[in-house]
Amino acid sequence: MSDMEAFREAVIAWAAGGQGGPARELAVRLPVRAAVLLEGLSDVAAIEALAARHGRNLAAEGVCVLPMGGAMSVGRFARLLGPHGLGLHLTGLCDERERGYYARALERDGAARHGFFVCAADLEDELIRALGVRRVEALVRAEGDLRALRTFLRQPAQRDRTAEQQLRRFLGTKKGRKIHYGRVLVEALDPEHVPAPLAGLLTSL
């Protein structure tokens, strides 16, 4: 486990009710200057892949990319890490339906000036629209999941959905699939067509 991974685990344990000492010590020793607050591991995979594609090592830059286990936890993490906690620069990425959680939490804890970035629907939707349906289907085929996709598309519930909506739903049908494709889809992006919320987030760090 790297030092930044240790810091991330220490913060998650702290947010769950544990002691803050380990996180505080690591924040100073590394040092950590910023935290990216994300809903889950698929978002982490995508952001870390995007940074790597742009030649950046966020951990080496003192940036911790944090999965919170759900958007409703953003207030707790902002309180621990923001101006009234460790004093880190805070930003994040969220779905449109989660905008209110982020806005209220960052405003309440004095971190709103840093801002956060909002996906029109969610991260998968942004990536699928940026790549296009045919390109995403080609990536699914290359990853060995074409048979699973075809089986999924035969389900009656998928008949009235658009191709983009079907792919988005497919990515969430198996544990770990969203995490895997978070990286795969980002690595396939044309550098000139990175979705605006992701590009804005990376530029802000």
N, C-alpha and C. Protein backbone atom coordinates (compact mmCIF):
# COMPACT_ATOMS: atom_id res chain seq x y z
N MET A 1 0.84 -1.20 0.00
CA MET A 1 0.00 0.00 0.00
C MET A 1 0.88 1.25 0.00
N SER A 2 0.59 2.18 -0.92
CA SER A 2 1.36 3.42 -0.97
C SER A 2 0.97 4.34 0.18
N ASP A 3 1.78 5.38 0.39
CA ASP A 3 1.48 6.33 1.45
C ASP A 3 0.13 7.01 1.22
N MET A 4 -0.17 7.39 -0.05
CA MET A 4 -1.44 8.05 -0.31
C MET A 4 -2.62 7.10 -0.11
N GLU A 5 -2.43 5.84 -0.46
CA GLU A 5 -3.48 4.85 -0.20
C GLU A 5 -3.71 4.70 1.30
N ALA A 6 -2.62 4.76 2.06
CA ALA A 6 -2.74 4.68 3.52
C ALA A 6 -3.51 5.89 4.06
N PHE A 7 -3.23 7.06 3.49
CA PHE A 7 -3.97 8.26 3.90
C PHE A 7 -5.45 8.12 3.56
N ARG A 8 -5.73 7.64 2.36
CA ARG A 8 -7.12 7.46 1.95
C ARG A 8 -7.85 6.52 2.90
N GLU A 9 -7.23 5.40 3.24
CA GLU A 9 -7.86 4.44 4.15
C GLU A 9 -8.04 5.05 5.54
N ALA A 10 -7.08 5.85 5.96
CA ALA A 10 -7.17 6.49 7.27
C ALA A 10 -8.33 7.49 7.32
N VAL A 11 -8.52 8.23 6.23
CA VAL A 11 -9.63 9.19 6.17
C VAL A 11 -10.97 8.46 6.16
N ILE A 12 -11.06 7.38 5.40
CA ILE A 12 -12.31 6.62 5.34
C ILE A 12 -12.65 6.06 6.73
N ALA A 13 -11.64 5.56 7.43
CA ALA A 13 -11.86 5.05 8.78
C ALA A 13 -12.27 6.17 9.73
N TRP A 14 -11.68 7.33 9.57
CA TRP A 14 -12.01 8.50 10.39
C TRP A 14 -13.45 8.93 10.16
N ALA A 15 -13.85 8.97 8.89
CA ALA A 15 -15.22 9.36 8.54
C ALA A 15 -16.24 8.36 9.07
N ALA A 16 -15.80 7.12 9.26
CA ALA A 16 -16.69 6.08 9.77
C ALA A 16 -16.76 6.07 11.30
N GLY A 17 -16.06 7.02 11.94
CA GLY A 17 -16.12 7.13 13.38
C GLY A 17 -14.84 6.79 14.11
N GLY A 18 -13.78 6.50 13.36
CA GLY A 18 -12.50 6.18 13.98
C GLY A 18 -11.73 7.41 14.41
N GLN A 19 -10.51 7.20 14.82
CA GLN A 19 -9.64 8.28 15.28
C GLN A 19 -9.07 9.06 14.09
N GLY A 20 -8.90 10.36 14.27
CA GLY A 20 -8.36 11.19 13.20
C GLY A 20 -6.86 11.32 13.20
N GLY A 21 -6.21 10.83 14.26
CA GLY A 21 -4.77 10.99 14.37
C GLY A 21 -3.98 10.45 13.20
N PRO A 22 -4.20 9.20 12.76
CA PRO A 22 -3.43 8.67 11.63
C PRO A 22 -3.57 9.51 10.36
N ALA A 23 -4.78 9.98 10.07
CA ALA A 23 -4.99 10.81 8.87
C ALA A 23 -4.25 12.14 9.01
N ARG A 24 -4.33 12.74 10.19
CA ARG A 24 -3.64 14.01 10.41
C ARG A 24 -2.13 13.86 10.24
N GLU A 25 -1.58 12.81 10.80
CA GLU A 25 -0.13 12.59 10.72
C GLU A 25 0.32 12.39 9.28
N LEU A 26 -0.43 11.56 8.53
CA LEU A 26 -0.08 11.31 7.14
C LEU A 26 -0.25 12.56 6.28
N ALA A 27 -1.27 13.36 6.56
CA ALA A 27 -1.51 14.58 5.80
C ALA A 27 -0.32 15.52 5.87
N VAL A 28 0.29 15.58 7.03
CA VAL A 28 1.45 16.45 7.24
C VAL A 28 2.70 15.83 6.63
N ARG A 29 2.87 14.53 6.83
CA ARG A 29 4.11 13.87 6.41
C ARG A 29 4.23 13.78 4.89
N LEU A 30 3.12 13.62 4.16
CA LEU A 30 3.23 13.33 2.73
C LEU A 30 3.78 14.49 1.88
N PRO A 31 3.35 15.73 1.91
CA PRO A 31 2.13 16.26 2.49
C PRO A 31 0.98 16.15 1.50
N VAL A 32 -0.26 16.24 2.01
CA VAL A 32 -1.46 16.23 1.17
C VAL A 32 -1.97 17.66 1.05
N ARG A 33 -2.26 18.10 -0.18
CA ARG A 33 -2.73 19.47 -0.38
C ARG A 33 -4.18 19.54 -0.84
N ALA A 34 -4.70 18.44 -1.41
CA ALA A 34 -6.05 18.49 -1.97
C ALA A 34 -6.71 17.13 -1.89
N ALA A 35 -8.04 17.13 -1.88
CA ALA A 35 -8.82 15.90 -1.90
C ALA A 35 -9.93 16.02 -2.93
N VAL A 36 -10.10 14.97 -3.71
CA VAL A 36 -11.17 14.89 -4.70
C VAL A 36 -12.24 13.95 -4.14
N LEU A 37 -13.41 14.49 -3.86
CA LEU A 37 -14.48 13.73 -3.23
C LEU A 37 -15.37 13.09 -4.30
N LEU A 38 -15.36 11.77 -4.34
CA LEU A 38 -16.08 11.01 -5.36
C LEU A 38 -17.03 10.03 -4.70
N GLU A 39 -18.09 9.68 -5.43
CA GLU A 39 -19.09 8.79 -4.87
C GLU A 39 -18.54 7.38 -4.63
N GLY A 40 -17.85 6.81 -5.62
CA GLY A 40 -17.43 5.42 -5.48
C GLY A 40 -16.18 5.07 -6.26
N LEU A 41 -15.89 3.78 -6.29
CA LEU A 41 -14.63 3.30 -6.87
C LEU A 41 -14.58 3.43 -8.39
N SER A 42 -15.72 3.38 -9.07
CA SER A 42 -15.69 3.54 -10.52
C SER A 42 -15.25 4.96 -10.89
N ASP A 43 -15.66 5.94 -10.10
CA ASP A 43 -15.24 7.32 -10.33
C ASP A 43 -13.74 7.48 -10.08
N VAL A 44 -13.25 6.81 -9.03
CA VAL A 44 -11.82 6.85 -8.73
C VAL A 44 -11.02 6.27 -9.89
N ALA A 45 -11.46 5.12 -10.42
CA ALA A 45 -10.76 4.49 -11.54
C ALA A 45 -10.69 5.42 -12.74
N ALA A 46 -11.80 6.11 -13.02
CA ALA A 46 -11.84 7.00 -14.17
C ALA A 46 -10.93 8.21 -13.99
N ILE A 47 -10.97 8.83 -12.83
CA ILE A 47 -10.16 10.04 -12.59
C ILE A 47 -8.68 9.69 -12.58
N GLU A 48 -8.31 8.59 -11.96
CA GLU A 48 -6.90 8.20 -11.94
C GLU A 48 -6.40 7.85 -13.34
N ALA A 49 -7.25 7.20 -14.15
CA ALA A 49 -6.87 6.88 -15.52
C ALA A 49 -6.73 8.15 -16.35
N LEU A 50 -7.62 9.10 -16.15
CA LEU A 50 -7.56 10.37 -16.88
C LEU A 50 -6.28 11.12 -16.53
N ALA A 51 -5.95 11.18 -15.26
CA ALA A 51 -4.72 11.85 -14.84
C ALA A 51 -3.50 11.19 -15.47
N ALA A 52 -3.47 9.85 -15.45
CA ALA A 52 -2.33 9.13 -16.03
C ALA A 52 -2.20 9.40 -17.52
N ARG A 53 -3.34 9.50 -18.23
CA ARG A 53 -3.30 9.79 -19.66
C ARG A 53 -2.73 11.17 -19.95
N HIS A 54 -2.84 12.06 -18.99
CA HIS A 54 -2.29 13.41 -19.15
C HIS A 54 -0.93 13.55 -18.48
N GLY A 55 -0.31 12.42 -18.15
CA GLY A 55 1.03 12.43 -17.61
C GLY A 55 1.14 12.93 -16.18
N ARG A 56 0.04 12.82 -15.43
CA ARG A 56 0.06 13.32 -14.05
C ARG A 56 -0.07 12.18 -13.05
N ASN A 57 0.68 12.30 -11.98
CA ASN A 57 0.59 11.36 -10.86
C ASN A 57 0.01 12.15 -9.70
N LEU A 58 -1.29 12.01 -9.48
CA LEU A 58 -1.96 12.84 -8.49
C LEU A 58 -1.42 12.59 -7.09
N ALA A 59 -1.14 11.35 -6.76
CA ALA A 59 -0.60 11.05 -5.43
C ALA A 59 0.71 11.78 -5.20
N ALA A 60 1.58 11.77 -6.20
CA ALA A 60 2.87 12.46 -6.08
C ALA A 60 2.69 13.97 -5.98
N GLU A 61 1.58 14.48 -6.49
CA GLU A 61 1.28 15.91 -6.42
C GLU A 61 0.59 16.29 -5.12
N GLY A 62 0.36 15.31 -4.25
CA GLY A 62 -0.30 15.61 -2.98
C GLY A 62 -1.80 15.66 -3.08
N VAL A 63 -2.37 14.98 -4.07
CA VAL A 63 -3.82 14.95 -4.27
C VAL A 63 -4.34 13.57 -3.92
N CYS A 64 -5.32 13.51 -3.03
CA CYS A 64 -5.94 12.25 -2.65
C CYS A 64 -7.29 12.13 -3.34
N VAL A 65 -7.47 11.06 -4.09
CA VAL A 65 -8.73 10.79 -4.77
C VAL A 65 -9.53 9.84 -3.88
N LEU A 66 -10.65 10.32 -3.34
CA LEU A 66 -11.35 9.62 -2.26
C LEU A 66 -12.72 9.09 -2.67
N PRO A 67 -12.95 7.77 -2.56
CA PRO A 67 -14.30 7.24 -2.72
C PRO A 67 -15.03 7.34 -1.38
N MET A 68 -16.20 7.98 -1.36
CA MET A 68 -16.88 8.24 -0.10
C MET A 68 -17.92 7.17 0.24
N GLY A 69 -18.22 6.28 -0.72
CA GLY A 69 -19.24 5.29 -0.46
C GLY A 69 -20.65 5.85 -0.59
N GLY A 70 -20.82 6.89 -1.39
CA GLY A 70 -22.12 7.50 -1.59
C GLY A 70 -22.08 9.00 -1.44
N ALA A 71 -22.85 9.70 -2.27
CA ALA A 71 -22.83 11.16 -2.29
C ALA A 71 -23.32 11.78 -0.99
N MET A 72 -24.19 11.09 -0.27
CA MET A 72 -24.72 11.66 0.97
C MET A 72 -23.67 11.76 2.07
N SER A 73 -22.49 11.17 1.83
CA SER A 73 -21.41 11.26 2.81
C SER A 73 -20.54 12.49 2.62
N VAL A 74 -20.82 13.30 1.60
CA VAL A 74 -19.93 14.41 1.27
C VAL A 74 -19.82 15.40 2.42
N GLY A 75 -20.88 15.62 3.19
CA GLY A 75 -20.82 16.56 4.30
C GLY A 75 -19.82 16.13 5.35
N ARG A 76 -19.82 14.84 5.66
CA ARG A 76 -18.90 14.31 6.66
C ARG A 76 -17.45 14.47 6.21
N PHE A 77 -17.16 14.13 4.96
CA PHE A 77 -15.80 14.24 4.45
C PHE A 77 -15.36 15.70 4.33
N ALA A 78 -16.26 16.58 3.90
CA ALA A 78 -15.93 18.00 3.80
C ALA A 78 -15.60 18.58 5.17
N ARG A 79 -16.33 18.15 6.18
CA ARG A 79 -16.09 18.65 7.53
C ARG A 79 -14.70 18.23 8.05
N LEU A 80 -14.30 17.00 7.75
CA LEU A 80 -13.00 16.50 8.22
C LEU A 80 -11.83 17.07 7.43
N LEU A 81 -12.04 17.29 6.13
CA LEU A 81 -10.92 17.63 5.26
C LEU A 81 -10.84 19.09 4.85
N GLY A 82 -11.94 19.83 4.97
CA GLY A 82 -11.99 21.21 4.50
C GLY A 82 -11.38 22.22 5.44
N PRO A 83 -11.78 23.49 5.32
CA PRO A 83 -11.18 24.57 6.10
C PRO A 83 -11.24 24.38 7.61
N HIS A 84 -12.26 23.68 8.11
CA HIS A 84 -12.39 23.47 9.55
C HIS A 84 -11.79 22.14 10.01
N GLY A 85 -11.19 21.42 9.08
CA GLY A 85 -10.56 20.15 9.39
C GLY A 85 -9.08 20.20 9.04
N LEU A 86 -8.69 19.42 8.04
CA LEU A 86 -7.28 19.38 7.63
C LEU A 86 -6.87 20.55 6.76
N GLY A 87 -7.83 21.35 6.32
CA GLY A 87 -7.50 22.53 5.52
C GLY A 87 -7.09 22.24 4.10
N LEU A 88 -7.59 21.14 3.52
CA LEU A 88 -7.22 20.78 2.16
C LEU A 88 -8.10 21.51 1.14
N HIS A 89 -7.56 21.68 -0.04
CA HIS A 89 -8.36 22.13 -1.17
C HIS A 89 -9.33 21.00 -1.51
N LEU A 90 -10.62 21.29 -1.56
CA LEU A 90 -11.61 20.27 -1.85
C LEU A 90 -12.29 20.51 -3.19
N THR A 91 -12.44 19.44 -3.93
CA THR A 91 -13.24 19.47 -5.15
C THR A 91 -13.87 18.10 -5.28
N GLY A 92 -14.62 17.89 -6.36
CA GLY A 92 -15.26 16.60 -6.53
C GLY A 92 -16.02 16.52 -7.83
N LEU A 93 -16.56 15.34 -8.08
CA LEU A 93 -17.35 15.07 -9.27
C LEU A 93 -18.61 14.36 -8.81
N CYS A 94 -19.76 14.80 -9.30
CA CYS A 94 -21.00 14.16 -8.88
C CYS A 94 -21.99 14.10 -10.04
N ASP A 95 -23.03 13.27 -9.86
CA ASP A 95 -24.12 13.20 -10.82
C ASP A 95 -25.04 14.40 -10.60
N GLU A 96 -25.80 14.74 -11.62
CA GLU A 96 -26.72 15.88 -11.52
C GLU A 96 -27.66 15.75 -10.32
N ARG A 97 -28.16 14.54 -10.07
CA ARG A 97 -29.11 14.37 -8.97
C ARG A 97 -28.46 14.54 -7.60
N GLU A 98 -27.13 14.58 -7.57
CA GLU A 98 -26.41 14.72 -6.30
C GLU A 98 -25.88 16.14 -6.09
N ARG A 99 -26.14 17.03 -7.04
CA ARG A 99 -25.61 18.38 -6.96
C ARG A 99 -25.93 19.04 -5.62
N GLY A 100 -27.15 18.87 -5.14
CA GLY A 100 -27.57 19.51 -3.89
C GLY A 100 -26.76 19.07 -2.69
N TYR A 101 -26.44 17.78 -2.61
CA TYR A 101 -25.62 17.29 -1.50
C TYR A 101 -24.27 17.99 -1.46
N TYR A 102 -23.63 18.08 -2.62
CA TYR A 102 -22.30 18.70 -2.70
C TYR A 102 -22.38 20.19 -2.40
N ALA A 103 -23.34 20.86 -3.00
CA ALA A 103 -23.45 22.31 -2.82
C ALA A 103 -23.67 22.66 -1.36
N ARG A 104 -24.58 21.97 -0.71
CA ARG A 104 -24.87 22.27 0.70
C ARG A 104 -23.67 21.94 1.59
N ALA A 105 -23.03 20.82 1.35
CA ALA A 105 -21.91 20.41 2.20
C ALA A 105 -20.73 21.36 2.08
N LEU A 106 -20.38 21.72 0.87
CA LEU A 106 -19.22 22.59 0.68
C LEU A 106 -19.50 24.01 1.14
N GLU A 107 -20.73 24.47 0.97
CA GLU A 107 -21.10 25.79 1.46
C GLU A 107 -21.06 25.82 2.98
N ARG A 108 -21.61 24.81 3.60
CA ARG A 108 -21.69 24.75 5.07
C ARG A 108 -20.30 24.71 5.70
N ASP A 109 -19.37 24.03 5.04
CA ASP A 109 -18.04 23.88 5.62
C ASP A 109 -17.02 24.85 5.05
N GLY A 110 -17.49 25.87 4.36
CA GLY A 110 -16.60 26.93 3.91
C GLY A 110 -15.70 26.57 2.77
N ALA A 111 -16.04 25.51 2.03
CA ALA A 111 -15.17 25.06 0.94
C ALA A 111 -15.78 25.32 -0.42
N ALA A 112 -16.90 26.04 -0.48
CA ALA A 112 -17.63 26.22 -1.74
C ALA A 112 -16.81 26.98 -2.79
N ARG A 113 -15.90 27.80 -2.35
CA ARG A 113 -15.14 28.61 -3.31
C ARG A 113 -14.29 27.75 -4.25
N HIS A 114 -13.97 26.53 -3.82
CA HIS A 114 -13.17 25.66 -4.67
C HIS A 114 -14.01 25.05 -5.79
N GLY A 115 -15.28 24.83 -5.55
CA GLY A 115 -16.17 24.32 -6.58
C GLY A 115 -16.08 22.81 -6.77
N PHE A 116 -17.04 22.31 -7.54
CA PHE A 116 -17.06 20.90 -7.88
C PHE A 116 -17.68 20.78 -9.27
N PHE A 117 -17.66 19.57 -9.83
CA PHE A 117 -18.03 19.40 -11.23
C PHE A 117 -19.15 18.38 -11.34
N VAL A 118 -20.11 18.66 -12.24
CA VAL A 118 -21.36 17.91 -12.29
C VAL A 118 -21.52 17.23 -13.66
N CYS A 119 -21.75 15.92 -13.63
CA CYS A 119 -22.05 15.17 -14.85
C CYS A 119 -23.53 15.35 -15.19
N ALA A 120 -23.85 15.46 -16.47
CA ALA A 120 -25.23 15.72 -16.89
C ALA A 120 -26.19 14.69 -16.34
N ALA A 121 -25.82 13.42 -16.41
CA ALA A 121 -26.60 12.36 -15.77
C ALA A 121 -25.69 11.66 -14.75
N ASP A 122 -24.69 10.98 -15.27
CA ASP A 122 -23.66 10.40 -14.40
C ASP A 122 -22.39 10.23 -15.21
N LEU A 123 -21.35 9.71 -14.59
CA LEU A 123 -20.05 9.58 -15.25
C LEU A 123 -20.13 8.68 -16.48
N GLU A 124 -20.83 7.56 -16.36
CA GLU A 124 -20.93 6.63 -17.48
C GLU A 124 -21.63 7.28 -18.68
N ASP A 125 -22.65 8.05 -18.40
CA ASP A 125 -23.36 8.76 -19.47
C ASP A 125 -22.42 9.72 -20.19
N GLU A 126 -21.61 10.46 -19.43
CA GLU A 126 -20.66 11.39 -20.04
C GLU A 126 -19.67 10.66 -20.95
N LEU A 127 -19.17 9.53 -20.48
CA LEU A 127 -18.16 8.80 -21.25
C LEU A 127 -18.76 8.16 -22.50
N ILE A 128 -19.96 7.60 -22.37
CA ILE A 128 -20.61 6.97 -23.52
C ILE A 128 -20.92 8.01 -24.60
N ARG A 129 -21.41 9.17 -24.21
CA ARG A 129 -21.69 10.22 -25.19
C ARG A 129 -20.43 10.74 -25.85
N ALA A 130 -19.34 10.83 -25.08
CA ALA A 130 -18.08 11.32 -25.64
C ALA A 130 -17.50 10.34 -26.65
N LEU A 131 -17.63 9.05 -26.38
CA LEU A 131 -17.04 8.03 -27.25
C LEU A 131 -17.96 7.63 -28.40
N GLY A 132 -19.26 7.67 -28.16
CA GLY A 132 -20.22 7.19 -29.14
C GLY A 132 -20.53 5.71 -28.93
N VAL A 133 -21.75 5.33 -29.32
CA VAL A 133 -22.22 3.96 -29.07
C VAL A 133 -21.33 2.92 -29.75
N ARG A 134 -20.98 3.14 -31.00
CA ARG A 134 -20.20 2.14 -31.73
C ARG A 134 -18.83 1.91 -31.09
N ARG A 135 -18.21 2.98 -30.65
CA ARG A 135 -16.89 2.83 -30.02
C ARG A 135 -17.00 2.09 -28.70
N VAL A 136 -18.03 2.39 -27.92
CA VAL A 136 -18.21 1.69 -26.64
C VAL A 136 -18.51 0.22 -26.88
N GLU A 137 -19.33 -0.09 -27.87
CA GLU A 137 -19.62 -1.49 -28.19
C GLU A 137 -18.34 -2.22 -28.62
N ALA A 138 -17.48 -1.54 -29.37
CA ALA A 138 -16.21 -2.15 -29.77
C ALA A 138 -15.33 -2.43 -28.56
N LEU A 139 -15.35 -1.54 -27.58
CA LEU A 139 -14.56 -1.75 -26.37
C LEU A 139 -15.13 -2.91 -25.54
N VAL A 140 -16.46 -3.00 -25.50
CA VAL A 140 -17.09 -4.13 -24.79
C VAL A 140 -16.68 -5.45 -25.45
N ARG A 141 -16.64 -5.46 -26.78
CA ARG A 141 -16.22 -6.65 -27.51
C ARG A 141 -14.76 -6.98 -27.20
N ALA A 142 -13.91 -5.96 -27.22
CA ALA A 142 -12.49 -6.18 -26.96
C ALA A 142 -12.24 -6.68 -25.54
N GLU A 143 -13.12 -6.31 -24.61
CA GLU A 143 -12.97 -6.74 -23.21
C GLU A 143 -13.60 -8.11 -22.95
N GLY A 144 -14.17 -8.72 -23.99
CA GLY A 144 -14.74 -10.06 -23.85
C GLY A 144 -16.15 -10.10 -23.28
N ASP A 145 -16.85 -8.96 -23.32
CA ASP A 145 -18.18 -8.89 -22.72
C ASP A 145 -19.31 -8.79 -23.74
N LEU A 146 -19.02 -9.05 -25.01
CA LEU A 146 -20.05 -8.88 -26.04
C LEU A 146 -21.21 -9.85 -25.83
N ARG A 147 -20.93 -11.09 -25.49
CA ARG A 147 -22.00 -12.07 -25.27
C ARG A 147 -22.91 -11.62 -24.12
N ALA A 148 -22.29 -11.13 -23.05
CA ALA A 148 -23.08 -10.65 -21.90
C ALA A 148 -23.93 -9.46 -22.31
N LEU A 149 -23.39 -8.58 -23.15
CA LEU A 149 -24.16 -7.41 -23.61
C LEU A 149 -25.35 -7.85 -24.45
N ARG A 150 -25.14 -8.78 -25.36
CA ARG A 150 -26.24 -9.24 -26.21
C ARG A 150 -27.35 -9.90 -25.38
N THR A 151 -26.96 -10.68 -24.39
CA THR A 151 -27.95 -11.30 -23.50
C THR A 151 -28.74 -10.23 -22.76
N PHE A 152 -28.04 -9.20 -22.29
CA PHE A 152 -28.69 -8.10 -21.58
C PHE A 152 -29.67 -7.36 -22.48
N LEU A 153 -29.29 -7.14 -23.73
CA LEU A 153 -30.14 -6.37 -24.64
C LEU A 153 -31.42 -7.12 -25.03
N ARG A 154 -31.45 -8.42 -24.84
CA ARG A 154 -32.65 -9.19 -25.15
C ARG A 154 -33.71 -9.09 -24.05
N GLN A 155 -33.36 -8.48 -22.94
CA GLN A 155 -34.32 -8.35 -21.85
C GLN A 155 -35.43 -7.37 -22.27
N PRO A 156 -36.69 -7.71 -21.99
CA PRO A 156 -37.80 -6.83 -22.38
C PRO A 156 -37.68 -5.40 -21.87
N ALA A 157 -37.09 -5.24 -20.69
CA ALA A 157 -36.98 -3.90 -20.09
C ALA A 157 -36.09 -2.96 -20.91
N GLN A 158 -35.27 -3.51 -21.80
CA GLN A 158 -34.33 -2.68 -22.55
C GLN A 158 -34.90 -2.18 -23.88
N ARG A 159 -36.07 -2.70 -24.28
CA ARG A 159 -36.58 -2.42 -25.63
C ARG A 159 -36.87 -0.95 -25.87
N ASP A 160 -37.34 -0.25 -24.88
CA ASP A 160 -37.74 1.14 -25.07
C ASP A 160 -36.65 2.14 -24.70
N ARG A 161 -35.47 1.64 -24.37
CA ARG A 161 -34.37 2.54 -24.01
C ARG A 161 -33.52 2.84 -25.24
N THR A 162 -32.88 4.00 -25.24
CA THR A 162 -31.95 4.33 -26.32
C THR A 162 -30.70 3.47 -26.18
N ALA A 163 -29.89 3.42 -27.23
CA ALA A 163 -28.65 2.64 -27.19
C ALA A 163 -27.73 3.15 -26.08
N GLU A 164 -27.69 4.47 -25.90
CA GLU A 164 -26.85 5.04 -24.85
C GLU A 164 -27.34 4.59 -23.47
N GLN A 165 -28.65 4.62 -23.28
CA GLN A 165 -29.21 4.21 -21.99
C GLN A 165 -28.98 2.72 -21.73
N GLN A 166 -29.08 1.92 -22.77
CA GLN A 166 -28.84 0.48 -22.62
C GLN A 166 -27.41 0.21 -22.18
N LEU A 167 -26.45 0.87 -22.82
CA LEU A 167 -25.04 0.67 -22.45
C LEU A 167 -24.78 1.13 -21.03
N ARG A 168 -25.37 2.24 -20.68
CA ARG A 168 -25.20 2.77 -19.32
C ARG A 168 -25.73 1.78 -18.28
N ARG A 169 -26.89 1.21 -18.55
CA ARG A 169 -27.46 0.22 -17.63
C ARG A 169 -26.60 -1.04 -17.59
N PHE A 170 -26.09 -1.46 -18.73
CA PHE A 170 -25.27 -2.67 -18.80
C PHE A 170 -24.04 -2.56 -17.92
N LEU A 171 -23.43 -1.39 -17.89
CA LEU A 171 -22.20 -1.22 -17.11
C LEU A 171 -22.44 -1.41 -15.62
N GLY A 172 -23.67 -1.28 -15.18
CA GLY A 172 -23.97 -1.43 -13.76
C GLY A 172 -24.58 -2.77 -13.38
N THR A 173 -24.58 -3.73 -14.32
CA THR A 173 -25.28 -4.99 -14.05
C THR A 173 -24.43 -6.05 -13.36
N LYS A 174 -23.17 -5.84 -13.22
CA LYS A 174 -22.29 -6.85 -12.60
C LYS A 174 -21.31 -6.15 -11.68
N LYS A 175 -21.10 -6.71 -10.51
CA LYS A 175 -20.17 -6.11 -9.55
C LYS A 175 -18.79 -5.97 -10.16
N GLY A 176 -18.24 -4.78 -10.05
CA GLY A 176 -16.91 -4.51 -10.56
C GLY A 176 -16.86 -4.04 -11.99
N ARG A 177 -17.98 -4.17 -12.73
CA ARG A 177 -17.95 -3.79 -14.15
C ARG A 177 -17.81 -2.28 -14.33
N LYS A 178 -18.51 -1.50 -13.51
CA LYS A 178 -18.39 -0.04 -13.64
C LYS A 178 -16.97 0.41 -13.32
N ILE A 179 -16.33 -0.22 -12.34
CA ILE A 179 -14.95 0.13 -12.00
C ILE A 179 -14.03 -0.18 -13.17
N HIS A 180 -14.18 -1.37 -13.73
CA HIS A 180 -13.34 -1.79 -14.86
C HIS A 180 -13.51 -0.85 -16.05
N TYR A 181 -14.77 -0.57 -16.41
CA TYR A 181 -15.01 0.26 -17.59
C TYR A 181 -14.79 1.75 -17.32
N GLY A 182 -14.77 2.14 -16.06
CA GLY A 182 -14.38 3.51 -15.77
C GLY A 182 -12.99 3.80 -16.30
N ARG A 183 -12.10 2.83 -16.11
CA ARG A 183 -10.73 2.97 -16.64
C ARG A 183 -10.70 2.77 -18.15
N VAL A 184 -11.35 1.71 -18.65
CA VAL A 184 -11.31 1.37 -20.07
C VAL A 184 -11.85 2.51 -20.94
N LEU A 185 -12.98 3.07 -20.57
CA LEU A 185 -13.58 4.13 -21.38
C LEU A 185 -12.74 5.40 -21.37
N VAL A 186 -12.19 5.75 -20.21
CA VAL A 186 -11.35 6.94 -20.15
C VAL A 186 -10.09 6.77 -20.99
N GLU A 187 -9.49 5.59 -20.94
CA GLU A 187 -8.27 5.36 -21.72
C GLU A 187 -8.52 5.41 -23.22
N ALA A 188 -9.78 5.22 -23.64
CA ALA A 188 -10.11 5.24 -25.06
C ALA A 188 -10.48 6.64 -25.56
N LEU A 189 -10.60 7.61 -24.67
CA LEU A 189 -11.02 8.95 -25.06
C LEU A 189 -9.99 9.64 -25.94
N ASP A 190 -10.47 10.36 -26.93
CA ASP A 190 -9.63 11.29 -27.66
C ASP A 190 -9.30 12.44 -26.72
N PRO A 191 -8.02 12.81 -26.58
CA PRO A 191 -7.66 13.90 -25.68
C PRO A 191 -8.41 15.20 -25.93
N GLU A 192 -8.90 15.38 -27.16
CA GLU A 192 -9.63 16.60 -27.50
C GLU A 192 -11.12 16.50 -27.17
N HIS A 193 -11.57 15.33 -26.73
CA HIS A 193 -12.99 15.14 -26.47
C HIS A 193 -13.26 14.58 -25.08
N VAL A 194 -12.48 15.01 -24.13
CA VAL A 194 -12.72 14.63 -22.74
C VAL A 194 -13.97 15.36 -22.26
N PRO A 195 -14.93 14.67 -21.66
CA PRO A 195 -16.13 15.36 -21.17
C PRO A 195 -15.78 16.54 -20.28
N ALA A 196 -16.52 17.62 -20.42
CA ALA A 196 -16.21 18.87 -19.71
C ALA A 196 -16.07 18.71 -18.20
N PRO A 197 -16.93 17.96 -17.51
CA PRO A 197 -16.76 17.85 -16.06
C PRO A 197 -15.43 17.20 -15.66
N LEU A 198 -14.99 16.19 -16.43
CA LEU A 198 -13.73 15.53 -16.11
C LEU A 198 -12.55 16.44 -16.42
N ALA A 199 -12.62 17.11 -17.59
CA ALA A 199 -11.53 18.02 -17.96
C ALA A 199 -11.42 19.16 -16.93
N GLY A 200 -12.57 19.70 -16.52
CA GLY A 200 -12.56 20.78 -15.55
C GLY A 200 -11.99 20.35 -14.22
N LEU A 201 -12.35 19.17 -13.78
CA LEU A 201 -11.84 18.65 -12.52
C LEU A 201 -10.32 18.52 -12.55
N LEU A 202 -9.80 17.90 -13.60
CA LEU A 202 -8.36 17.69 -13.68
C LEU A 202 -7.62 19.02 -13.76
N THR A 203 -8.16 19.96 -14.49
CA THR A 203 -7.51 21.28 -14.62
C THR A 203 -7.50 22.01 -13.30
N SER A 204 -8.49 21.78 -12.45
CA SER A 204 -8.59 22.50 -11.18
C SER A 204 -7.59 22.03 -10.14
N LEU A 205 -6.94 20.90 -10.38
CA LEU A 205 -6.05 20.33 -9.36
C LEU A 205 -4.60 20.79 -9.54
